Amino acid sequence: MSKFSIAHEDFRELSILAALDELGEIDRNFVTEYAATDLELEAELASLQNTVAALAYSVEPLTLPTHLKDRLFQRINSEHPCEQQVEQTPKANLFCACFDPCA
């Protein structure tokens, strides 16, 4: 049993933040340990974590409009001129283009 007691609504707010991975390590550990003291709280935390995990799969992915994509590549190439220009492909390695363009 935890030596701390908090109101259910306060725990709910903390557990939402924990499920969203928005708490520091100490607070996240507190929520996890506190939830383990009660099956209902533990189930609620698990449900929130499952819901957050499912959010990424609940909507269709957005595609970048062509005109914005063109502007992005023009900007990358103008800010980092080098022999090899960044190709405009769906799988262009933007990290390398932005941080090590001439390597």
Foldseek 3Di string as FASTA:
>chain_A
DDPDDDDPVVLLVLLLCLLVVNDDPVSNVVSCVVLVVDVVSVVSSVVSNVVVVCVVVPDDDDDDDPVVLVVVQVVLCVVDPDDDGFDSDPPTDVVCSNPPNHD
